[in-house]
Amino acid sequence: MTPPGLLAIASSITLLGGVYFAFSTFVMRALAALEPSSGMAAMQAINRKILNPGFALLFGGTALVCALIVVVAALRLGSMS
């Protein structure tokens, strides 16, 4: 049985991967099709909207939990010897 924390972090990583995929596949292509000044304005608008508590929690929380998993795994590995 998978621990709930591991399932939660796997879901978060999958969600972030989807965000990165969509951004690199669709958003960047759409921005490249615009005039440079329009593309810059659109990217600035995206940057303003992405800075919100939900994205910050997903982005920062995923990184923190991954780091915590590494520490816990290292401590467990050390106690096995």
C-alpha atoms as a PDB file:
ATOM      1  CA  MET A   1       0.000   0.000   0.000  1.00  0.00           C
ATOM      2  CA  THR A   2       1.286   3.446  -0.919  1.00  0.00           C
ATOM      3  CA  PRO A   3       1.661   5.987   1.902  1.00  0.00           C
ATOM      4  CA  PRO A   4      -0.738   8.943   1.458  1.00  0.00           C
ATOM      5  CA  GLY A   5       2.149  11.431   1.482  1.00  0.00           C
ATOM      6  CA  LEU A   6       3.859   9.646  -1.377  1.00  0.00           C
ATOM      7  CA  LEU A   7       0.639   9.612  -3.365  1.00  0.00           C
ATOM      8  CA  ALA A   8       0.129  13.335  -2.699  1.00  0.00           C
ATOM      9  CA  ILE A   9       3.644  14.262  -3.811  1.00  0.00           C
ATOM     10  CA  ALA A  10       3.361  12.075  -6.909  1.00  0.00           C
ATOM     11  CA  SER A  11       0.116  13.874  -7.784  1.00  0.00           C
ATOM     12  CA  SER A  12       1.722  17.275  -7.227  1.00  0.00           C
ATOM     13  CA  ILE A  13       4.703  16.400  -9.404  1.00  0.00           C
ATOM     14  CA  THR A  14       2.392  15.121 -12.120  1.00  0.00           C
ATOM     15  CA  LEU A  15       0.341  18.311 -11.980  1.00  0.00           C
ATOM     16  CA  LEU A  16       3.461  20.484 -12.206  1.00  0.00           C
ATOM     17  CA  GLY A  17       4.697  18.401 -15.127  1.00  0.00           C
ATOM     18  CA  GLY A  18       1.414  19.076 -16.904  1.00  0.00           C
ATOM     19  CA  VAL A  19       1.735  22.802 -16.262  1.00  0.00           C
ATOM     20  CA  TYR A  20       5.295  22.825 -17.664  1.00  0.00           C
ATOM     21  CA  PHE A  21       4.252  20.739 -20.669  1.00  0.00           C
ATOM     22  CA  ALA A  22       1.299  22.988 -21.495  1.00  0.00           C
ATOM     23  CA  PHE A  23       3.400  26.103 -21.073  1.00  0.00           C
ATOM     24  CA  SER A  24       6.232  24.894 -23.285  1.00  0.00           C
ATOM     25  CA  THR A  25       3.961  23.324 -25.890  1.00  0.00           C
ATOM     26  CA  PHE A  26       1.114  25.798 -26.227  1.00  0.00           C
ATOM     27  CA  VAL A  27       1.877  29.069 -24.479  1.00  0.00           C
ATOM     28  CA  MET A  28       5.397  29.547 -25.838  1.00  0.00           C
ATOM     29  CA  ARG A  29       4.242  28.761 -29.393  1.00  0.00           C
ATOM     30  CA  ALA A  30       1.397  31.242 -29.077  1.00  0.00           C
ATOM     31  CA  LEU A  31       3.736  33.914 -27.707  1.00  0.00           C
ATOM     32  CA  ALA A  32       6.204  33.287 -30.537  1.00  0.00           C
ATOM     33  CA  ALA A  33       3.427  33.916 -33.062  1.00  0.00           C
ATOM     34  CA  LEU A  34       2.787  37.412 -31.671  1.00  0.00           C
ATOM     35  CA  GLU A  35       4.626  40.607 -32.419  1.00  0.00           C
ATOM     36  CA  PRO A  36       7.502  41.037 -29.915  1.00  0.00           C
ATOM     37  CA  SER A  37       5.813  43.884 -28.011  1.00  0.00           C
ATOM     38  CA  SER A  38       2.526  41.961 -27.793  1.00  0.00           C
ATOM     39  CA  GLY A  39       4.342  38.792 -26.735  1.00  0.00           C
ATOM     40  CA  MET A  40       6.159  40.701 -24.016  1.00  0.00           C
ATOM     41  CA  ALA A  41       2.910  42.220 -22.740  1.00  0.00           C
ATOM     42  CA  ALA A  42       1.228  38.802 -22.759  1.00  0.00           C
ATOM     43  CA  MET A  43       4.120  37.197 -20.867  1.00  0.00           C
ATOM     44  CA  GLN A  44       4.070  39.979 -18.281  1.00  0.00           C
ATOM     45  CA  ALA A  45       0.329  39.412 -17.811  1.00  0.00           C
ATOM     46  CA  ILE A  46       0.932  35.667 -17.381  1.00  0.00           C
ATOM     47  CA  ASN A  47       3.631  36.383 -14.795  1.00  0.00           C
ATOM     48  CA  ARG A  48       1.289  38.646 -12.826  1.00  0.00           C
ATOM     49  CA  LYS A  49      -1.486  36.025 -12.797  1.00  0.00           C
ATOM     50  CA  ILE A  50       0.747  33.064 -11.908  1.00  0.00           C
ATOM     51  CA  LEU A  51       1.936  34.762  -8.720  1.00  0.00           C
ATOM     52  CA  ASN A  52      -0.869  33.553  -6.484  1.00  0.00           C
ATOM     53  CA  PRO A  53      -1.079  31.474  -3.303  1.00  0.00           C
ATOM     54  CA  GLY A  54      -2.320  28.340  -5.071  1.00  0.00           C
ATOM     55  CA  PHE A  55       0.592  28.159  -7.489  1.00  0.00           C
ATOM     56  CA  ALA A  56       3.077  29.149  -4.787  1.00  0.00           C
ATOM     57  CA  LEU A  57       1.826  26.336  -2.546  1.00  0.00           C
ATOM     58  CA  LEU A  58       1.950  23.790  -5.367  1.00  0.00           C
ATOM     59  CA  PHE A  59       5.372  24.903  -6.610  1.00  0.00           C
ATOM     60  CA  GLY A  60       7.088  25.560  -3.262  1.00  0.00           C
ATOM     61  CA  GLY A  61       5.262  22.851  -1.332  1.00  0.00           C
ATOM     62  CA  THR A  62       6.205  20.182  -3.859  1.00  0.00           C
ATOM     63  CA  ALA A  63       9.868  21.148  -3.634  1.00  0.00           C
ATOM     64  CA  LEU A  64       9.796  21.162   0.180  1.00  0.00           C
ATOM     65  CA  VAL A  65       8.062  17.797   0.433  1.00  0.00           C
ATOM     66  CA  CYS A  66      10.510  16.270  -2.067  1.00  0.00           C
ATOM     67  CA  ALA A  67      13.403  17.565   0.033  1.00  0.00           C
ATOM     68  CA  LEU A  68      11.763  16.141   3.166  1.00  0.00           C
ATOM     69  CA  ILE A  69      11.365  12.744   1.482  1.00  0.00           C
ATOM     70  CA  VAL A  70      15.073  12.753   0.587  1.00  0.00           C
ATOM     71  CA  VAL A  71      16.042  13.555   4.187  1.00  0.00           C
ATOM     72  CA  VAL A  72      13.740  10.895   5.650  1.00  0.00           C
ATOM     73  CA  ALA A  73      14.987   8.296   3.162  1.00  0.00           C
ATOM     74  CA  ALA A  74      18.620   9.152   3.949  1.00  0.00           C
ATOM     75  CA  LEU A  75      17.973   8.859   7.698  1.00  0.00           C
ATOM     76  CA  ARG A  76      16.220   5.520   7.271  1.00  0.00           C
ATOM     77  CA  LEU A  77      19.006   4.247   5.038  1.00  0.00           C
ATOM     78  CA  GLY A  78      21.580   5.317   7.626  1.00  0.00           C
ATOM     79  CA  SER A  79      19.716   3.558  10.452  1.00  0.00           C
ATOM     80  CA  MET A  80      19.616   0.292   8.484  1.00  0.00           C
ATOM     81  CA  SER A  81      23.391  -0.178   8.665  1.00  0.00           C
END
